Amino acid sequence: MNPRPLTEREQTLIESYSHCQLAMTPQRFRSKWALTYPQMACVCDRSVPTVSFWFARGRLYRRPTKADLRHLAIMDFLLDHNEAIPPELKDLLCPPRQGGG
């Protein structure tokens, strides 16, 4: 299998993406969307206790990772633009579950 070479436009897209600072704090996300800790844990692929530490004060506080902030920002984008995203594009991004899900 030979990978396809990148076009100049694709290289520009990669360069732009590499500098993208897409991030949203859990506090900002939760002030905008009424998600529960279990739902936020599902979005970020974290445990519910981990999410609760993001909202804790003092010694119990844990900082979310860059990946967590990116997951929340992407979910915010998808929630904001859900109606404008064509179903075919949604299916490419997040394929429907096969079977009983």
PDB file of N, CA and C in Angstrom:
ATOM      1  N   MET A   1       0.843  -1.173   0.000  1.00  0.00           N
ATOM      2  CA  MET A   1       0.000   0.000   0.000  1.00  0.00           C
ATOM      3  C   MET A   1       0.894   1.244   0.000  1.00  0.00           C
ATOM      4  N   ASN A   2       0.668   2.092  -0.973  1.00  0.00           N
ATOM      5  CA  ASN A   2       1.425   3.335  -1.062  1.00  0.00           C
ATOM      6  C   ASN A   2       0.554   4.492  -0.597  1.00  0.00           C
ATOM      7  N   PRO A   3       1.009   5.211   0.441  1.00  0.00           N
ATOM      8  CA  PRO A   3       0.216   6.355   0.886  1.00  0.00           C
ATOM      9  C   PRO A   3       0.179   7.450  -0.169  1.00  0.00           C
ATOM     10  N   ARG A   4      -0.919   8.154  -0.196  1.00  0.00           N
ATOM     11  CA  ARG A   4      -1.116   9.238  -1.164  1.00  0.00           C
ATOM     12  C   ARG A   4      -0.303  10.450  -0.722  1.00  0.00           C
ATOM     13  N   PRO A   5       0.441  11.056  -1.631  1.00  0.00           N
ATOM     14  CA  PRO A   5       1.170  12.275  -1.267  1.00  0.00           C
ATOM     15  C   PRO A   5       0.197  13.405  -0.946  1.00  0.00           C
ATOM     16  N   LEU A   6       0.629  14.304  -0.070  1.00  0.00           N
ATOM     17  CA  LEU A   6      -0.217  15.428   0.313  1.00  0.00           C
ATOM     18  C   LEU A   6      -0.132  16.556  -0.698  1.00  0.00           C
ATOM     19  N   THR A   7      -1.278  17.152  -0.952  1.00  0.00           N
ATOM     20  CA  THR A   7      -1.312  18.332  -1.808  1.00  0.00           C
ATOM     21  C   THR A   7      -0.869  19.539  -0.981  1.00  0.00           C
ATOM     22  N   GLU A   8      -0.626  20.656  -1.644  1.00  0.00           N
ATOM     23  CA  GLU A   8      -0.255  21.870  -0.926  1.00  0.00           C
ATOM     24  C   GLU A   8      -1.390  22.310   0.004  1.00  0.00           C
ATOM     25  N   ARG A   9      -2.605  22.175  -0.461  1.00  0.00           N
ATOM     26  CA  ARG A   9      -3.775  22.537   0.350  1.00  0.00           C
ATOM     27  C   ARG A   9      -3.857  21.661   1.604  1.00  0.00           C
ATOM     28  N   GLU A  10      -3.586  20.380   1.474  1.00  0.00           N
ATOM     29  CA  GLU A  10      -3.613  19.479   2.621  1.00  0.00           C
ATOM     30  C   GLU A  10      -2.474  19.792   3.594  1.00  0.00           C
ATOM     31  N   GLN A  11      -1.319  20.133   3.063  1.00  0.00           N
ATOM     32  CA  GLN A  11      -0.194  20.515   3.920  1.00  0.00           C
ATOM     33  C   GLN A  11      -0.517  21.787   4.695  1.00  0.00           C
ATOM     34  N   THR A  12      -1.194  22.726   4.046  1.00  0.00           N
ATOM     35  CA  THR A  12      -1.610  23.961   4.713  1.00  0.00           C
ATOM     36  C   THR A  12      -2.600  23.649   5.830  1.00  0.00           C
ATOM     37  N   LEU A  13      -3.531  22.738   5.560  1.00  0.00           N
ATOM     38  CA  LEU A  13      -4.500  22.328   6.576  1.00  0.00           C
ATOM     39  C   LEU A  13      -3.790  21.709   7.780  1.00  0.00           C
ATOM     40  N   ILE A  14      -2.824  20.855   7.548  1.00  0.00           N
ATOM     41  CA  ILE A  14      -2.063  20.235   8.645  1.00  0.00           C
ATOM     42  C   ILE A  14      -1.323  21.299   9.447  1.00  0.00           C
ATOM     43  N   GLU A  15      -0.714  22.232   8.770  1.00  0.00           N
ATOM     44  CA  GLU A  15       0.006  23.319   9.444  1.00  0.00           C
ATOM     45  C   GLU A  15      -0.955  24.134  10.308  1.00  0.00           C
ATOM     46  N   SER A  16      -2.108  24.456   9.765  1.00  0.00           N
ATOM     47  CA  SER A  16      -3.106  25.223  10.512  1.00  0.00           C
ATOM     48  C   SER A  16      -3.582  24.441  11.730  1.00  0.00           C
ATOM     49  N   TYR A  17      -3.876  23.171  11.551  1.00  0.00           N
ATOM     50  CA  TYR A  17      -4.366  22.328  12.651  1.00  0.00           C
ATOM     51  C   TYR A  17      -3.317  22.190  13.747  1.00  0.00           C
ATOM     52  N   SER A  18      -2.057  22.107  13.367  1.00  0.00           N
ATOM     53  CA  SER A  18      -0.999  21.912  14.361  1.00  0.00           C
ATOM     54  C   SER A  18      -0.867  23.107  15.296  1.00  0.00           C
ATOM     55  N   HIS A  19      -1.370  24.264  14.889  1.00  0.00           N
ATOM     56  CA  HIS A  19      -1.318  25.461  15.726  1.00  0.00           C
ATOM     57  C   HIS A  19      -2.665  25.767  16.394  1.00  0.00           C
ATOM     58  N   CYS A  20      -3.637  24.937  16.141  1.00  0.00           N
ATOM     59  CA  CYS A  20      -4.982  25.136  16.688  1.00  0.00           C
ATOM     60  C   CYS A  20      -4.965  24.888  18.196  1.00  0.00           C
ATOM     61  N   GLN A  21      -5.444  25.842  18.941  1.00  0.00           N
ATOM     62  CA  GLN A  21      -5.492  25.731  20.399  1.00  0.00           C
ATOM     63  C   GLN A  21      -6.920  25.453  20.865  1.00  0.00           C
ATOM     64  N   LEU A  22      -7.540  24.477  20.259  1.00  0.00           N
ATOM     65  CA  LEU A  22      -8.920  24.139  20.584  1.00  0.00           C
ATOM     66  C   LEU A  22      -8.978  23.584  22.008  1.00  0.00           C
ATOM     67  N   ALA A  23      -9.640  24.312  22.896  1.00  0.00           N
ATOM     68  CA  ALA A  23      -9.736  23.892  24.290  1.00  0.00           C
ATOM     69  C   ALA A  23     -10.911  24.595  24.957  1.00  0.00           C
ATOM     70  N   MET A  24     -11.541  23.885  25.888  1.00  0.00           N
ATOM     71  CA  MET A  24     -12.617  24.465  26.684  1.00  0.00           C
ATOM     72  C   MET A  24     -12.530  23.859  28.076  1.00  0.00           C
ATOM     73  N   THR A  25     -12.548  24.717  29.090  1.00  0.00           N
ATOM     74  CA  THR A  25     -12.459  24.209  30.454  1.00  0.00           C
ATOM     75  C   THR A  25     -13.756  23.495  30.836  1.00  0.00           C
ATOM     76  N   PRO A  26     -13.666  22.550  31.764  1.00  0.00           N
ATOM     77  CA  PRO A  26     -14.883  21.890  32.232  1.00  0.00           C
ATOM     78  C   PRO A  26     -15.885  22.874  32.836  1.00  0.00           C
ATOM     79  N   GLN A  27     -15.370  23.883  33.538  1.00  0.00           N
ATOM     80  CA  GLN A  27     -16.255  24.855  34.161  1.00  0.00           C
ATOM     81  C   GLN A  27     -17.018  25.652  33.100  1.00  0.00           C
ATOM     82  N   ARG A  28     -16.315  26.090  32.088  1.00  0.00           N
ATOM     83  CA  ARG A  28     -16.974  26.846  31.013  1.00  0.00           C
ATOM     84  C   ARG A  28     -17.968  25.961  30.263  1.00  0.00           C
ATOM     85  N   PHE A  29     -17.570  24.717  29.992  1.00  0.00           N
ATOM     86  CA  PHE A  29     -18.452  23.772  29.299  1.00  0.00           C
ATOM     87  C   PHE A  29     -19.726  23.554  30.112  1.00  0.00           C
ATOM     88  N   ARG A  30     -19.566  23.322  31.405  1.00  0.00           N
ATOM     89  CA  ARG A  30     -20.719  23.029  32.258  1.00  0.00           C
ATOM     90  C   ARG A  30     -21.599  24.252  32.457  1.00  0.00           C
ATOM     91  N   SER A  31     -21.029  25.458  32.360  1.00  0.00           N
ATOM     92  CA  SER A  31     -21.859  26.654  32.476  1.00  0.00           C
ATOM     93  C   SER A  31     -22.702  26.862  31.215  1.00  0.00           C
ATOM     94  N   LYS A  32     -22.284  26.232  30.128  1.00  0.00           N
ATOM     95  CA  LYS A  32     -23.001  26.364  28.858  1.00  0.00           C
ATOM     96  C   LYS A  32     -23.970  25.207  28.613  1.00  0.00           C
ATOM     97  N   TRP A  33     -23.561  23.998  28.993  1.00  0.00           N
ATOM     98  CA  TRP A  33     -24.356  22.795  28.719  1.00  0.00           C
ATOM     99  C   TRP A  33     -24.661  22.072  30.030  1.00  0.00           C
ATOM    100  N   ALA A  34     -25.870  21.590  30.171  1.00  0.00           N
ATOM    101  CA  ALA A  34     -26.316  20.927  31.411  1.00  0.00           C
ATOM    102  C   ALA A  34     -25.978  19.438  31.390  1.00  0.00           C
ATOM    103  N   LEU A  35     -24.702  19.127  31.281  1.00  0.00           N
ATOM    104  CA  LEU A  35     -24.274  17.730  31.328  1.00  0.00           C
ATOM    105  C   LEU A  35     -23.953  17.337  32.761  1.00  0.00           C
ATOM    106  N   THR A  36     -24.231  16.099  33.080  1.00  0.00           N
ATOM    107  CA  THR A  36     -23.879  15.555  34.387  1.00  0.00           C
ATOM    108  C   THR A  36     -22.414  15.132  34.373  1.00  0.00           C
ATOM    109  N   TYR A  37     -21.862  14.863  35.542  1.00  0.00           N
ATOM    110  CA  TYR A  37     -20.486  14.356  35.613  1.00  0.00           C
ATOM    111  C   TYR A  37     -20.346  13.055  34.810  1.00  0.00           C
ATOM    112  N   PRO A  38     -21.292  12.100  34.934  1.00  0.00           N
ATOM    113  CA  PRO A  38     -21.161  10.879  34.116  1.00  0.00           C
ATOM    114  C   PRO A  38     -21.162  11.166  32.609  1.00  0.00           C
ATOM    115  N   GLN A  39     -21.969  12.124  32.164  1.00  0.00           N
ATOM    116  CA  GLN A  39     -21.982  12.464  30.739  1.00  0.00           C
ATOM    117  C   GLN A  39     -20.657  13.100  30.321  1.00  0.00           C
ATOM    118  N   MET A  40     -20.129  13.992  31.149  1.00  0.00           N
ATOM    119  CA  MET A  40     -18.831  14.597  30.835  1.00  0.00           C
ATOM    120  C   MET A  40     -17.729  13.537  30.844  1.00  0.00           C
ATOM    121  N   ALA A  41     -17.819  12.600  31.774  1.00  0.00           N
ATOM    122  CA  ALA A  41     -16.839  11.519  31.826  1.00  0.00           C
ATOM    123  C   ALA A  41     -16.890  10.700  30.537  1.00  0.00           C
ATOM    124  N   CYS A  42     -18.079  10.464  30.033  1.00  0.00           N
ATOM    125  CA  CYS A  42     -18.250   9.722  28.783  1.00  0.00           C
ATOM    126  C   CYS A  42     -17.639  10.487  27.612  1.00  0.00           C
ATOM    127  N   VAL A  43     -17.883  11.784  27.535  1.00  0.00           N
ATOM    128  CA  VAL A  43     -17.347  12.621  26.453  1.00  0.00           C
ATOM    129  C   VAL A  43     -15.817  12.578  26.448  1.00  0.00           C
ATOM    130  N   CYS A  44     -15.217  12.631  27.634  1.00  0.00           N
ATOM    131  CA  CYS A  44     -13.751  12.712  27.742  1.00  0.00           C
ATOM    132  C   CYS A  44     -13.087  11.354  27.955  1.00  0.00           C
ATOM    133  N   ASP A  45     -13.882  10.288  28.025  1.00  0.00           N
ATOM    134  CA  ASP A  45     -13.366   8.944  28.282  1.00  0.00           C
ATOM    135  C   ASP A  45     -12.575   8.912  29.592  1.00  0.00           C
ATOM    136  N   ARG A  46     -13.191   9.450  30.624  1.00  0.00           N
ATOM    137  CA  ARG A  46     -12.616   9.494  31.967  1.00  0.00           C
ATOM    138  C   ARG A  46     -13.597   8.890  32.955  1.00  0.00           C
ATOM    139  N   SER A  47     -13.135   8.666  34.163  1.00  0.00           N
ATOM    140  CA  SER A  47     -14.028   8.165  35.213  1.00  0.00           C
ATOM    141  C   SER A  47     -14.810   9.338  35.803  1.00  0.00           C
ATOM    142  N   VAL A  48     -15.922   9.032  36.427  1.00  0.00           N
ATOM    143  CA  VAL A  48     -16.724  10.064  37.080  1.00  0.00           C
ATOM    144  C   VAL A  48     -15.922  10.729  38.209  1.00  0.00           C
ATOM    145  N   PRO A  49     -15.176   9.964  39.036  1.00  0.00           N
ATOM    146  CA  PRO A  49     -14.367  10.641  40.057  1.00  0.00           C
ATOM    147  C   PRO A  49     -13.344  11.619  39.466  1.00  0.00           C
ATOM    148  N   THR A  50     -12.751  11.284  38.328  1.00  0.00           N
ATOM    149  CA  THR A  50     -11.799  12.200  37.691  1.00  0.00           C
ATOM    150  C   THR A  50     -12.492  13.510  37.337  1.00  0.00           C
ATOM    151  N   VAL A  51     -13.674  13.420  36.750  1.00  0.00           N
ATOM    152  CA  VAL A  51     -14.421  14.624  36.392  1.00  0.00           C
ATOM    153  C   VAL A  51     -14.758  15.422  37.649  1.00  0.00           C
ATOM    154  N   SER A  52     -15.143  14.749  38.712  1.00  0.00           N
ATOM    155  CA  SER A  52     -15.496  15.484  39.941  1.00  0.00           C
ATOM    156  C   SER A  52     -14.284  16.220  40.495  1.00  0.00           C
ATOM    157  N   PHE A  53     -13.076  15.692  40.328  1.00  0.00           N
ATOM    158  CA  PHE A  53     -11.856  16.372  40.779  1.00  0.00           C
ATOM    159  C   PHE A  53     -11.618  17.672  40.006  1.00  0.00           C
ATOM    160  N   TRP A  54     -12.113  17.768  38.762  1.00  0.00           N
ATOM    161  CA  TRP A  54     -11.963  18.995  37.976  1.00  0.00           C
ATOM    162  C   TRP A  54     -12.737  20.150  38.607  1.00  0.00           C
ATOM    163  N   PHE A  55     -13.765  19.811  39.379  1.00  0.00           N
ATOM    164  CA  PHE A  55     -14.613  20.827  39.993  1.00  0.00           C
ATOM    165  C   PHE A  55     -14.355  20.983  41.495  1.00  0.00           C
ATOM    166  N   ALA A  56     -13.425  20.202  42.003  1.00  0.00           N
ATOM    167  CA  ALA A  56     -13.107  20.250  43.433  1.00  0.00           C
ATOM    168  C   ALA A  56     -12.303  21.508  43.757  1.00  0.00           C
ATOM    169  N   ARG A  57     -12.216  21.798  45.020  1.00  0.00           N
ATOM    170  CA  ARG A  57     -11.429  22.946  45.493  1.00  0.00           C
ATOM    171  C   ARG A  57     -10.282  22.421  46.357  1.00  0.00           C
ATOM    172  N   GLY A  58      -9.228  23.204  46.400  1.00  0.00           N
ATOM    173  CA  GLY A  58      -8.112  22.868  47.283  1.00  0.00           C
ATOM    174  C   GLY A  58      -7.323  21.651  46.832  1.00  0.00           C
ATOM    175  N   ARG A  59      -6.952  20.845  47.814  1.00  0.00           N
ATOM    176  CA  ARG A  59      -6.089  19.684  47.544  1.00  0.00           C
ATOM    177  C   ARG A  59      -6.714  18.653  46.617  1.00  0.00           C
ATOM    178  N   LEU A  60      -8.021  18.572  46.602  1.00  0.00           N
ATOM    179  CA  LEU A  60      -8.692  17.560  45.772  1.00  0.00           C
ATOM    180  C   LEU A  60      -8.744  17.929  44.289  1.00  0.00           C
ATOM    181  N   TYR A  61      -8.511  19.213  43.981  1.00  0.00           N
ATOM    182  CA  TYR A  61      -8.593  19.661  42.582  1.00  0.00           C
ATOM    183  C   TYR A  61      -7.557  18.938  41.726  1.00  0.00           C
ATOM    184  N   ARG A  62      -7.983  18.517  40.538  1.00  0.00           N
ATOM    185  CA  ARG A  62      -7.078  17.940  39.531  1.00  0.00           C
ATOM    186  C   ARG A  62      -7.300  18.685  38.238  1.00  0.00           C
ATOM    187  N   ARG A  63      -6.223  19.041  37.588  1.00  0.00           N
ATOM    188  CA  ARG A  63      -6.292  19.770  36.326  1.00  0.00           C
ATOM    189  C   ARG A  63      -6.616  18.790  35.193  1.00  0.00           C
ATOM    190  N   PRO A  64      -7.592  19.137  34.336  1.00  0.00           N
ATOM    191  CA  PRO A  64      -7.859  18.290  33.167  1.00  0.00           C
ATOM    192  C   PRO A  64      -6.670  18.348  32.199  1.00  0.00           C
ATOM    193  N   THR A  65      -6.490  17.292  31.438  1.00  0.00           N
ATOM    194  CA  THR A  65      -5.397  17.247  30.462  1.00  0.00           C
ATOM    195  C   THR A  65      -5.758  18.061  29.225  1.00  0.00           C
ATOM    196  N   LYS A  66      -4.763  18.322  28.385  1.00  0.00           N
ATOM    197  CA  LYS A  66      -5.025  18.994  27.105  1.00  0.00           C
ATOM    198  C   LYS A  66      -6.036  18.197  26.283  1.00  0.00           C
ATOM    199  N   ALA A  67      -5.929  16.872  26.347  1.00  0.00           N
ATOM    200  CA  ALA A  67      -6.871  16.021  25.606  1.00  0.00           C
ATOM    201  C   ALA A  67      -8.295  16.211  26.121  1.00  0.00           C
ATOM    202  N   ASP A  68      -8.448  16.329  27.445  1.00  0.00           N
ATOM    203  CA  ASP A  68      -9.784  16.556  28.019  1.00  0.00           C
ATOM    204  C   ASP A  68     -10.360  17.890  27.534  1.00  0.00           C
ATOM    205  N   LEU A  69      -9.531  18.937  27.544  1.00  0.00           N
ATOM    206  CA  LEU A  69      -9.974  20.260  27.101  1.00  0.00           C
ATOM    207  C   LEU A  69     -10.365  20.244  25.627  1.00  0.00           C
ATOM    208  N   ARG A  70      -9.624  19.472  24.830  1.00  0.00           N
ATOM    209  CA  ARG A  70      -9.938  19.359  23.404  1.00  0.00           C
ATOM    210  C   ARG A  70     -11.247  18.599  23.203  1.00  0.00           C
ATOM    211  N   HIS A  71     -11.438  17.501  23.942  1.00  0.00           N
ATOM    212  CA  HIS A  71     -12.703  16.754  23.840  1.00  0.00           C
ATOM    213  C   HIS A  71     -13.891  17.652  24.156  1.00  0.00           C
ATOM    214  N   LEU A  72     -13.769  18.448  25.202  1.00  0.00           N
ATOM    215  CA  LEU A  72     -14.873  19.335  25.579  1.00  0.00           C
ATOM    216  C   LEU A  72     -15.114  20.398  24.515  1.00  0.00           C
ATOM    217  N   ALA A  73     -14.046  20.928  23.934  1.00  0.00           N
ATOM    218  CA  ALA A  73     -14.200  21.936  22.880  1.00  0.00           C
ATOM    219  C   ALA A  73     -14.846  21.339  21.633  1.00  0.00           C
ATOM    220  N   ILE A  74     -14.451  20.139  21.272  1.00  0.00           N
ATOM    221  CA  ILE A  74     -15.047  19.477  20.105  1.00  0.00           C
ATOM    222  C   ILE A  74     -16.527  19.180  20.366  1.00  0.00           C
ATOM    223  N   MET A  75     -16.843  18.700  21.584  1.00  0.00           N
ATOM    224  CA  MET A  75     -18.239  18.411  21.909  1.00  0.00           C
ATOM    225  C   MET A  75     -19.052  19.692  21.898  1.00  0.00           C
ATOM    226  N   ASP A  76     -18.480  20.794  22.403  1.00  0.00           N
ATOM    227  CA  ASP A  76     -19.154  22.089  22.361  1.00  0.00           C
ATOM    228  C   ASP A  76     -19.446  22.487  20.912  1.00  0.00           C
ATOM    229  N   PHE A  77     -18.464  22.324  20.041  1.00  0.00           N
ATOM    230  CA  PHE A  77     -18.648  22.643  18.624  1.00  0.00           C
ATOM    231  C   PHE A  77     -19.764  21.788  18.021  1.00  0.00           C
ATOM    232  N   LEU A  78     -19.733  20.490  18.299  1.00  0.00           N
ATOM    233  CA  LEU A  78     -20.751  19.595  17.742  1.00  0.00           C
ATOM    234  C   LEU A  78     -22.147  19.948  18.269  1.00  0.00           C
ATOM    235  N   LEU A  79     -22.256  20.279  19.552  1.00  0.00           N
ATOM    236  CA  LEU A  79     -23.553  20.662  20.104  1.00  0.00           C
ATOM    237  C   LEU A  79     -24.038  21.984  19.504  1.00  0.00           C
ATOM    238  N   ASP A  80     -23.120  22.936  19.347  1.00  0.00           N
ATOM    239  CA  ASP A  80     -23.490  24.229  18.767  1.00  0.00           C
ATOM    240  C   ASP A  80     -23.913  24.126  17.302  1.00  0.00           C
ATOM    241  N   HIS A  81     -23.286  23.228  16.566  1.00  0.00           N
ATOM    242  CA  HIS A  81     -23.489  23.167  15.117  1.00  0.00           C
ATOM    243  C   HIS A  81     -24.163  21.879  14.652  1.00  0.00           C
ATOM    244  N   ASN A  82     -24.804  21.188  15.570  1.00  0.00           N
ATOM    245  CA  ASN A  82     -25.410  19.894  15.277  1.00  0.00           C
ATOM    246  C   ASN A  82     -26.328  19.925  14.061  1.00  0.00           C
ATOM    247  N   GLU A  83     -27.200  20.918  13.986  1.00  0.00           N
ATOM    248  CA  GLU A  83     -28.175  20.987  12.897  1.00  0.00           C
ATOM    249  C   GLU A  83     -27.530  21.308  11.552  1.00  0.00           C
ATOM    250  N   ALA A  84     -26.399  22.000  11.568  1.00  0.00           N
ATOM    251  CA  ALA A  84     -25.742  22.410  10.324  1.00  0.00           C
ATOM    252  C   ALA A  84     -24.821  21.324   9.756  1.00  0.00           C
ATOM    253  N   ILE A  85     -24.495  20.329  10.556  1.00  0.00           N
ATOM    254  CA  ILE A  85     -23.574  19.283  10.098  1.00  0.00           C
ATOM    255  C   ILE A  85     -24.366  18.220   9.343  1.00  0.00           C
ATOM    256  N   PRO A  86     -24.033  17.995   8.082  1.00  0.00           N
ATOM    257  CA  PRO A  86     -24.759  16.974   7.320  1.00  0.00           C
ATOM    258  C   PRO A  86     -24.599  15.588   7.960  1.00  0.00           C
ATOM    259  N   PRO A  87     -25.658  14.781   7.942  1.00  0.00           N
ATOM    260  CA  PRO A  87     -25.595  13.443   8.546  1.00  0.00           C
ATOM    261  C   PRO A  87     -24.426  12.597   8.026  1.00  0.00           C
ATOM    262  N   GLU A  88     -24.102  12.734   6.734  1.00  0.00           N
ATOM    263  CA  GLU A  88     -22.996  11.947   6.170  1.00  0.00           C
ATOM    264  C   GLU A  88     -21.669  12.311   6.833  1.00  0.00           C
ATOM    265  N   LEU A  89     -21.493  13.594   7.119  1.00  0.00           N
ATOM    266  CA  LEU A  89     -20.274  14.046   7.778  1.00  0.00           C
ATOM    267  C   LEU A  89     -20.229  13.570   9.230  1.00  0.00           C
ATOM    268  N   LYS A  90     -21.373  13.638   9.922  1.00  0.00           N
ATOM    269  CA  LYS A  90     -21.439  13.121  11.299  1.00  0.00           C
ATOM    270  C   LYS A  90     -21.085  11.638  11.326  1.00  0.00           C
ATOM    271  N   ASP A  91     -21.599  10.882  10.347  1.00  0.00           N
ATOM    272  CA  ASP A  91     -21.324   9.445  10.304  1.00  0.00           C
ATOM    273  C   ASP A  91     -19.858   9.147  10.027  1.00  0.00           C
ATOM    274  N   LEU A  92     -19.193  10.018   9.262  1.00  0.00           N
ATOM    275  CA  LEU A  92     -17.755   9.841   9.038  1.00  0.00           C
ATOM    276  C   LEU A  92     -16.967  10.140  10.312  1.00  0.00           C
ATOM    277  N   LEU A  93     -17.370  11.186  11.019  1.00  0.00           N
ATOM    278  CA  LEU A  93     -16.684  11.586  12.235  1.00  0.00           C
ATOM    279  C   LEU A  93     -16.943  10.596  13.367  1.00  0.00           C
ATOM    280  N   CYS A  94     -18.197  10.218  13.539  1.00  0.00           N
ATOM    281  CA  CYS A  94     -18.604   9.321  14.623  1.00  0.00           C
ATOM    282  C   CYS A  94     -19.536   8.262  14.027  1.00  0.00           C
ATOM    283  N   PRO A  95     -18.958   7.173  13.492  1.00  0.00           N
ATOM    284  CA  PRO A  95     -19.786   6.147  12.851  1.00  0.00           C
ATOM    285  C   PRO A  95     -20.850   5.608  13.811  1.00  0.00           C
ATOM    286  N   PRO A  96     -22.051   5.338  13.277  1.00  0.00           N
ATOM    287  CA  PRO A  96     -23.110   4.770  14.131  1.00  0.00           C
ATOM    288  C   PRO A  96     -22.667   3.433  14.704  1.00  0.00           C
ATOM    289  N   ARG A  97     -23.124   3.159  15.908  1.00  0.00           N
ATOM    290  CA  ARG A  97     -22.784   1.888  16.554  1.00  0.00           C
ATOM    291  C   ARG A  97     -23.489   0.758  15.839  1.00  0.00           C
ATOM    292  N   GLN A  98     -22.787  -0.320  15.662  1.00  0.00           N
ATOM    293  CA  GLN A  98     -23.373  -1.509  15.039  1.00  0.00           C
ATOM    294  C   GLN A  98     -23.960  -2.384  16.123  1.00  0.00           C
ATOM    295  N   GLY A  99     -25.049  -3.054  15.818  1.00  0.00           N
ATOM    296  CA  GLY A  99     -25.651  -3.947  16.785  1.00  0.00           C
ATOM    297  C   GLY A  99     -26.644  -3.236  17.678  1.00  0.00           C
ATOM    298  N   GLY A 100     -26.775  -3.681  18.902  1.00  0.00           N
ATOM    299  CA  GLY A 100     -27.812  -3.221  19.815  1.00  0.00           C
ATOM    300  C   GLY A 100     -27.599  -1.861  20.423  1.00  0.00           C
ATOM    301  N   GLY A 101     -26.684  -0.979  19.925  1.00  0.00           N
ATOM    302  CA  GLY A 101     -26.444   0.264  20.598  1.00  0.00           C
ATOM    303  C   GLY A 101     -27.159   1.394  20.042  1.00  0.00           C
TER     304      GLY A 101
END
